[in-house]
């Protein structure tokens, strides 16, 4: 195999890993925030915690997205 082809395949695999790590980080942050908000809403019997947890999860997810994008740049 040519050296150029090996380099291309290596960069392609690394790029796929980065993209999946960024997507997974975003989704997990949102799910964790929602889960904590849901748990708190059950404990305190107040639905506002679901919304607060979801908003905090979205903020954390996009913060992770920004930091990972900045690191890979």
PDB file of N, CA and C in Angstrom:
ATOM      1  N   UNK A   1       0.853  -1.169   0.000  1.00  0.00           N
ATOM      2  CA  UNK A   1       0.000   0.000   0.000  1.00  0.00           C
ATOM      3  C   UNK A   1       0.900   1.234   0.000  1.00  0.00           C
ATOM      4  N   UNK A   2       0.479   2.233  -0.741  1.00  0.00           N
ATOM      5  CA  UNK A   2       1.260   3.468  -0.805  1.00  0.00           C
ATOM      6  C   UNK A   2       1.216   4.196   0.535  1.00  0.00           C
ATOM      7  N   UNK A   3       2.247   4.946   0.777  1.00  0.00           N
ATOM      8  CA  UNK A   3       2.357   5.711   2.028  1.00  0.00           C
ATOM      9  C   UNK A   3       1.237   6.752   2.127  1.00  0.00           C
ATOM     10  N   UNK A   4       0.872   7.357   0.992  1.00  0.00           N
ATOM     11  CA  UNK A   4      -0.212   8.351   0.980  1.00  0.00           C
ATOM     12  C   UNK A   4      -1.541   7.710   1.378  1.00  0.00           C
ATOM     13  N   UNK A   5      -1.771   6.506   0.886  1.00  0.00           N
ATOM     14  CA  UNK A   5      -3.013   5.804   1.201  1.00  0.00           C
ATOM     15  C   UNK A   5      -3.076   5.455   2.684  1.00  0.00           C
ATOM     16  N   UNK A   6      -1.973   5.000   3.244  1.00  0.00           N
ATOM     17  CA  UNK A   6      -1.925   4.689   4.669  1.00  0.00           C
ATOM     18  C   UNK A   6      -2.205   5.936   5.510  1.00  0.00           C
ATOM     19  N   UNK A   7      -1.601   7.058   5.104  1.00  0.00           N
ATOM     20  CA  UNK A   7      -1.803   8.305   5.834  1.00  0.00           C
ATOM     21  C   UNK A   7      -3.265   8.753   5.754  1.00  0.00           C
ATOM     22  N   UNK A   8      -3.878   8.609   4.571  1.00  0.00           N
ATOM     23  CA  UNK A   8      -5.269   8.991   4.383  1.00  0.00           C
ATOM     24  C   UNK A   8      -6.191   8.145   5.262  1.00  0.00           C
ATOM     25  N   UNK A   9      -5.961   6.837   5.284  1.00  0.00           N
ATOM     26  CA  UNK A   9      -6.792   5.943   6.088  1.00  0.00           C
ATOM     27  C   UNK A   9      -6.642   6.257   7.578  1.00  0.00           C
ATOM     28  N   UNK A  10      -5.422   6.524   8.008  1.00  0.00           N
ATOM     29  CA  UNK A  10      -5.172   6.850   9.414  1.00  0.00           C
ATOM     30  C   UNK A  10      -5.903   8.135   9.810  1.00  0.00           C
ATOM     31  N   UNK A  11      -5.834   9.166   8.974  1.00  0.00           N
ATOM     32  CA  UNK A  11      -6.519  10.431   9.264  1.00  0.00           C
ATOM     33  C   UNK A  11      -8.035  10.256   9.236  1.00  0.00           C
ATOM     34  N   UNK A  12      -8.520   9.410   8.338  1.00  0.00           N
ATOM     35  CA  UNK A  12      -9.957   9.155   8.240  1.00  0.00           C
ATOM     36  C   UNK A  12     -10.468   8.477   9.504  1.00  0.00           C
ATOM     37  N   UNK A  13      -9.737   7.494  10.000  1.00  0.00           N
ATOM     38  CA  UNK A  13     -10.136   6.803  11.222  1.00  0.00           C
ATOM     39  C   UNK A  13     -10.073   7.721  12.435  1.00  0.00           C
ATOM     40  N   UNK A  14      -9.061   8.551  12.525  1.00  0.00           N
ATOM     41  CA  UNK A  14      -8.954   9.484  13.644  1.00  0.00           C
ATOM     42  C   UNK A  14     -10.061  10.520  13.596  1.00  0.00           C
ATOM     43  N   UNK A  15     -10.392  10.982  12.410  1.00  0.00           N
ATOM     44  CA  UNK A  15     -11.473  11.953  12.263  1.00  0.00           C
ATOM     45  C   UNK A  15     -12.810  11.375  12.666  1.00  0.00           C
ATOM     46  N   UNK A  16     -13.055  10.108  12.324  1.00  0.00           N
ATOM     47  CA  UNK A  16     -14.296   9.447  12.715  1.00  0.00           C
ATOM     48  C   UNK A  16     -14.400   9.306  14.218  1.00  0.00           C
ATOM     49  N   UNK A  17     -13.275   8.999  14.850  1.00  0.00           N
ATOM     50  CA  UNK A  17     -13.241   8.894  16.305  1.00  0.00           C
ATOM     51  C   UNK A  17     -13.574  10.242  16.938  1.00  0.00           C
ATOM     52  N   UNK A  18     -12.990  11.284  16.410  1.00  0.00           N
ATOM     53  CA  UNK A  18     -13.245  12.623  16.968  1.00  0.00           C
ATOM     54  C   UNK A  18     -14.702  13.016  16.820  1.00  0.00           C
ATOM     55  N   UNK A  19     -15.259  12.763  15.642  1.00  0.00           N
ATOM     56  CA  UNK A  19     -16.656  13.130  15.403  1.00  0.00           C
ATOM     57  C   UNK A  19     -17.587  12.356  16.319  1.00  0.00           C
ATOM     58  N   UNK A  20     -17.336  11.069  16.497  1.00  0.00           N
ATOM     59  CA  UNK A  20     -18.209  10.297  17.373  1.00  0.00           C
ATOM     60  C   UNK A  20     -18.020  10.702  18.833  1.00  0.00           C
ATOM     61  N   UNK A  21     -16.806  11.055  19.227  1.00  0.00           N
ATOM     62  CA  UNK A  21     -16.566  11.495  20.609  1.00  0.00           C
ATOM     63  C   UNK A  21     -17.278  12.809  20.880  1.00  0.00           C
ATOM     64  N   UNK A  22     -17.273  13.711  19.919  1.00  0.00           N
ATOM     65  CA  UNK A  22     -17.953  14.990  20.085  1.00  0.00           C
ATOM     66  C   UNK A  22     -19.467  14.775  20.193  1.00  0.00           C
ATOM     67  N   UNK A  23     -20.020  13.953  19.308  1.00  0.00           N
ATOM     68  CA  UNK A  23     -21.459  13.681  19.345  1.00  0.00           C
ATOM     69  C   UNK A  23     -21.883  12.978  20.617  1.00  0.00           C
ATOM     70  N   UNK A  24     -21.101  12.005  21.030  1.00  0.00           N
ATOM     71  CA  UNK A  24     -21.409  11.260  22.252  1.00  0.00           C
ATOM     72  C   UNK A  24     -21.331  12.168  23.476  1.00  0.00           C
ATOM     73  N   UNK A  25     -20.360  13.050  23.491  1.00  0.00           N
ATOM     74  CA  UNK A  25     -20.206  13.986  24.606  1.00  0.00           C
ATOM     75  C   UNK A  25     -21.426  14.899  24.714  1.00  0.00           C
ATOM     76  N   UNK A  26     -21.918  15.368  23.584  1.00  0.00           N
ATOM     77  CA  UNK A  26     -23.082  16.249  23.574  1.00  0.00           C
ATOM     78  C   UNK A  26     -24.316  15.514  24.083  1.00  0.00           C
ATOM     79  N   UNK A  27     -24.557  14.328  23.557  1.00  0.00           N
ATOM     80  CA  UNK A  27     -25.750  13.573  23.927  1.00  0.00           C
ATOM     81  C   UNK A  27     -25.705  13.150  25.398  1.00  0.00           C
ATOM     82  N   UNK A  28     -24.554  12.664  25.860  1.00  0.00           N
ATOM     83  CA  UNK A  28     -24.454  12.216  27.247  1.00  0.00           C
ATOM     84  C   UNK A  28     -24.650  13.362  28.236  1.00  0.00           C
ATOM     85  N   UNK A  29     -24.122  14.528  27.931  1.00  0.00           N
ATOM     86  CA  UNK A  29     -24.306  15.673  28.833  1.00  0.00           C
ATOM     87  C   UNK A  29     -25.783  16.033  28.950  1.00  0.00           C
ATOM     88  N   UNK A  30     -26.501  16.004  27.841  1.00  0.00           N
ATOM     89  CA  UNK A  30     -27.926  16.324  27.862  1.00  0.00           C
ATOM     90  C   UNK A  30     -28.704  15.261  28.635  1.00  0.00           C
ATOM     91  N   UNK A  31     -28.383  13.990  28.397  1.00  0.00           N
ATOM     92  CA  UNK A  31     -29.078  12.917  29.097  1.00  0.00           C
ATOM     93  C   UNK A  31     -28.797  12.924  30.603  1.00  0.00           C
ATOM     94  N   UNK A  32     -27.570  13.196  30.980  1.00  0.00           N
ATOM     95  CA  UNK A  32     -27.231  13.263  32.408  1.00  0.00           C
ATOM     96  C   UNK A  32     -27.959  14.427  33.075  1.00  0.00           C
ATOM     97  N   UNK A  33     -27.984  15.579  32.420  1.00  0.00           N
ATOM     98  CA  UNK A  33     -28.700  16.731  32.970  1.00  0.00           C
ATOM     99  C   UNK A  33     -30.184  16.447  33.121  1.00  0.00           C
ATOM    100  N   UNK A  34     -30.770  15.828  32.111  1.00  0.00           N
ATOM    101  CA  UNK A  34     -32.190  15.471  32.187  1.00  0.00           C
ATOM    102  C   UNK A  34     -32.433  14.439  33.284  1.00  0.00           C
ATOM    103  N   UNK A  35     -31.558  13.444  33.374  1.00  0.00           N
ATOM    104  CA  UNK A  35     -31.715  12.403  34.387  1.00  0.00           C
ATOM    105  C   UNK A  35     -31.647  12.954  35.796  1.00  0.00           C
ATOM    106  N   UNK A  36     -30.684  13.833  36.042  1.00  0.00           N
ATOM    107  CA  UNK A  36     -30.588  14.452  37.371  1.00  0.00           C
ATOM    108  C   UNK A  36     -31.801  15.326  37.673  1.00  0.00           C
ATOM    109  N   UNK A  37     -32.257  16.056  36.663  1.00  0.00           N
ATOM    110  CA  UNK A  37     -33.452  16.880  36.853  1.00  0.00           C
ATOM    111  C   UNK A  37     -34.685  16.030  37.124  1.00  0.00           C
ATOM    112  N   UNK A  38     -34.797  14.914  36.426  1.00  0.00           N
ATOM    113  CA  UNK A  38     -35.922  14.006  36.645  1.00  0.00           C
ATOM    114  C   UNK A  38     -35.878  13.416  38.047  1.00  0.00           C
ATOM    115  N   UNK A  39     -34.700  13.016  38.463  1.00  0.00           N
ATOM    116  CA  UNK A  39     -34.523  12.448  39.798  1.00  0.00           C
ATOM    117  C   UNK A  39     -34.896  13.480  40.874  1.00  0.00           C
ATOM    118  N   UNK A  40     -34.425  14.712  40.711  1.00  0.00           N
ATOM    119  CA  UNK A  40     -34.763  15.761  41.674  1.00  0.00           C
ATOM    120  C   UNK A  40     -36.249  16.087  41.657  1.00  0.00           C
ATOM    121  N   UNK A  41     -36.870  16.016  40.473  1.00  0.00           N
ATOM    122  CA  UNK A  41     -38.303  16.301  40.405  1.00  0.00           C
ATOM    123  C   UNK A  41     -39.115  15.234  41.129  1.00  0.00           C
ATOM    124  N   UNK A  42     -38.633  13.999  41.123  1.00  0.00           N
ATOM    125  CA  UNK A  42     -39.319  12.944  41.868  1.00  0.00           C
ATOM    126  C   UNK A  42     -39.154  13.168  43.369  1.00  0.00           C
ATOM    127  N   UNK A  43     -37.938  13.507  43.783  1.00  0.00           N
ATOM    128  CA  UNK A  43     -37.672  13.704  45.211  1.00  0.00           C
ATOM    129  C   UNK A  43     -38.464  14.885  45.766  1.00  0.00           C
ATOM    130  N   UNK A  44     -38.442  16.019  45.065  1.00  0.00           N
ATOM    131  CA  UNK A  44     -39.080  17.234  45.565  1.00  0.00           C
ATOM    132  C   UNK A  44     -40.489  17.451  45.030  1.00  0.00           C
ATOM    133  N   UNK A  45     -40.965  16.541  44.185  1.00  0.00           N
ATOM    134  CA  UNK A  45     -42.321  16.615  43.615  1.00  0.00           C
ATOM    135  C   UNK A  45     -42.583  17.972  42.951  1.00  0.00           C
ATOM    136  N   UNK A  46     -41.634  18.368  42.091  1.00  0.00           N
ATOM    137  CA  UNK A  46     -41.736  19.637  41.392  1.00  0.00           C
ATOM    138  C   UNK A  46     -41.118  19.467  40.009  1.00  0.00           C
ATOM    139  N   UNK A  47     -41.894  19.726  38.973  1.00  0.00           N
ATOM    140  CA  UNK A  47     -41.419  19.508  37.603  1.00  0.00           C
ATOM    141  C   UNK A  47     -40.366  20.507  37.132  1.00  0.00           C
ATOM    142  N   UNK A  48     -40.188  21.576  37.822  1.00  0.00           N
ATOM    143  CA  UNK A  48     -39.245  22.597  37.385  1.00  0.00           C
ATOM    144  C   UNK A  48     -37.830  22.044  37.302  1.00  0.00           C
ATOM    145  N   UNK A  49     -37.522  21.044  38.127  1.00  0.00           N
ATOM    146  CA  UNK A  49     -36.182  20.472  38.120  1.00  0.00           C
ATOM    147  C   UNK A  49     -35.865  19.745  36.817  1.00  0.00           C
ATOM    148  N   UNK A  50     -36.892  19.189  36.164  1.00  0.00           N
ATOM    149  CA  UNK A  50     -36.664  18.554  34.864  1.00  0.00           C
ATOM    150  C   UNK A  50     -36.175  19.599  33.871  1.00  0.00           C
ATOM    151  N   UNK A  51     -36.836  20.732  33.833  1.00  0.00           N
ATOM    152  CA  UNK A  51     -36.463  21.784  32.886  1.00  0.00           C
ATOM    153  C   UNK A  51     -35.097  22.382  33.217  1.00  0.00           C
ATOM    154  N   UNK A  52     -34.842  22.585  34.492  1.00  0.00           N
ATOM    155  CA  UNK A  52     -33.543  23.121  34.899  1.00  0.00           C
ATOM    156  C   UNK A  52     -32.430  22.147  34.537  1.00  0.00           C
ATOM    157  N   UNK A  53     -32.638  20.863  34.820  1.00  0.00           N
ATOM    158  CA  UNK A  53     -31.642  19.853  34.480  1.00  0.00           C
ATOM    159  C   UNK A  53     -31.416  19.750  32.985  1.00  0.00           C
ATOM    160  N   UNK A  54     -32.486  19.815  32.208  1.00  0.00           N
ATOM    161  CA  UNK A  54     -32.365  19.751  30.755  1.00  0.00           C
ATOM    162  C   UNK A  54     -31.600  20.954  30.211  1.00  0.00           C
ATOM    163  N   UNK A  55     -31.917  22.131  30.701  1.00  0.00           N
ATOM    164  CA  UNK A  55     -31.210  23.339  30.253  1.00  0.00           C
ATOM    165  C   UNK A  55     -29.734  23.281  30.639  1.00  0.00           C
ATOM    166  N   UNK A  56     -29.460  22.842  31.866  1.00  0.00           N
ATOM    167  CA  UNK A  56     -28.061  22.729  32.301  1.00  0.00           C
ATOM    168  C   UNK A  56     -27.320  21.677  31.476  1.00  0.00           C
ATOM    169  N   UNK A  57     -27.987  20.577  31.134  1.00  0.00           N
ATOM    170  CA  UNK A  57     -27.384  19.553  30.297  1.00  0.00           C
ATOM    171  C   UNK A  57     -27.066  20.063  28.898  1.00  0.00           C
ATOM    172  N   UNK A  58     -27.977  20.843  28.336  1.00  0.00           N
ATOM    173  CA  UNK A  58     -27.742  21.419  27.009  1.00  0.00           C
ATOM    174  C   UNK A  58     -26.568  22.391  27.056  1.00  0.00           C
ATOM    175  N   UNK A  59     -26.521  23.215  28.075  1.00  0.00           N
ATOM    176  CA  UNK A  59     -25.408  24.161  28.224  1.00  0.00           C
ATOM    177  C   UNK A  59     -24.093  23.404  28.373  1.00  0.00           C
ATOM    178  N   UNK A  60     -24.074  22.367  29.210  1.00  0.00           N
ATOM    179  CA  UNK A  60     -22.853  21.583  29.407  1.00  0.00           C
ATOM    180  C   UNK A  60     -22.448  20.871  28.124  1.00  0.00           C
ATOM    181  N   UNK A  61     -23.423  20.364  27.380  1.00  0.00           N
ATOM    182  CA  UNK A  61     -23.124  19.674  26.130  1.00  0.00           C
ATOM    183  C   UNK A  61     -22.493  20.594  25.101  1.00  0.00           C
ATOM    184  N   UNK A  62     -23.043  21.784  24.952  1.00  0.00           N
ATOM    185  CA  UNK A  62     -22.472  22.715  23.988  1.00  0.00           C
ATOM    186  C   UNK A  62     -21.137  23.281  24.467  1.00  0.00           C
ATOM    187  N   UNK A  63     -20.948  23.352  25.768  1.00  0.00           N
ATOM    188  CA  UNK A  63     -19.635  23.755  26.296  1.00  0.00           C
ATOM    189  C   UNK A  63     -18.596  22.686  25.951  1.00  0.00           C
ATOM    190  N   UNK A  64     -18.965  21.415  26.130  1.00  0.00           N
ATOM    191  CA  UNK A  64     -18.069  20.321  25.744  1.00  0.00           C
ATOM    192  C   UNK A  64     -17.766  20.363  24.251  1.00  0.00           C
ATOM    193  N   UNK A  65     -18.797  20.632  23.463  1.00  0.00           N
ATOM    194  CA  UNK A  65     -18.628  20.725  22.016  1.00  0.00           C
ATOM    195  C   UNK A  65     -17.636  21.825  21.658  1.00  0.00           C
ATOM    196  N   UNK A  66     -17.762  22.965  22.302  1.00  0.00           N
ATOM    197  CA  UNK A  66     -16.868  24.087  22.052  1.00  0.00           C
ATOM    198  C   UNK A  66     -15.433  23.748  22.454  1.00  0.00           C
ATOM    199  N   UNK A  67     -15.252  23.176  23.645  1.00  0.00           N
ATOM    200  CA  UNK A  67     -13.914  22.868  24.125  1.00  0.00           C
ATOM    201  C   UNK A  67     -13.240  21.783  23.273  1.00  0.00           C
ATOM    202  N   UNK A  68     -13.993  20.767  22.865  1.00  0.00           N
ATOM    203  CA  UNK A  68     -13.403  19.725  22.039  1.00  0.00           C
ATOM    204  C   UNK A  68     -13.061  20.256  20.655  1.00  0.00           C
ATOM    205  N   UNK A  69     -13.908  21.099  20.112  1.00  0.00           N
ATOM    206  CA  UNK A  69     -13.613  21.714  18.823  1.00  0.00           C
ATOM    207  C   UNK A  69     -12.380  22.591  18.883  1.00  0.00           C
ATOM    208  N   UNK A  70     -12.242  23.299  19.976  1.00  0.00           N
ATOM    209  CA  UNK A  70     -11.074  24.161  20.162  1.00  0.00           C
ATOM    210  C   UNK A  70      -9.803  23.319  20.302  1.00  0.00           C
ATOM    211  N   UNK A  71      -9.901  22.173  20.979  1.00  0.00           N
ATOM    212  CA  UNK A  71      -8.749  21.301  21.184  1.00  0.00           C
ATOM    213  C   UNK A  71      -8.317  20.642  19.871  1.00  0.00           C
ATOM    214  N   UNK A  72      -9.266  20.245  19.025  1.00  0.00           N
ATOM    215  CA  UNK A  72      -8.931  19.545  17.791  1.00  0.00           C
ATOM    216  C   UNK A  72      -8.547  20.480  16.660  1.00  0.00           C
ATOM    217  N   UNK A  73      -8.759  21.762  16.852  1.00  0.00           N
ATOM    218  CA  UNK A  73      -8.450  22.743  15.798  1.00  0.00           C
ATOM    219  C   UNK A  73      -7.030  22.897  15.533  1.00  0.00           C
TER     220      UNK A  73
END
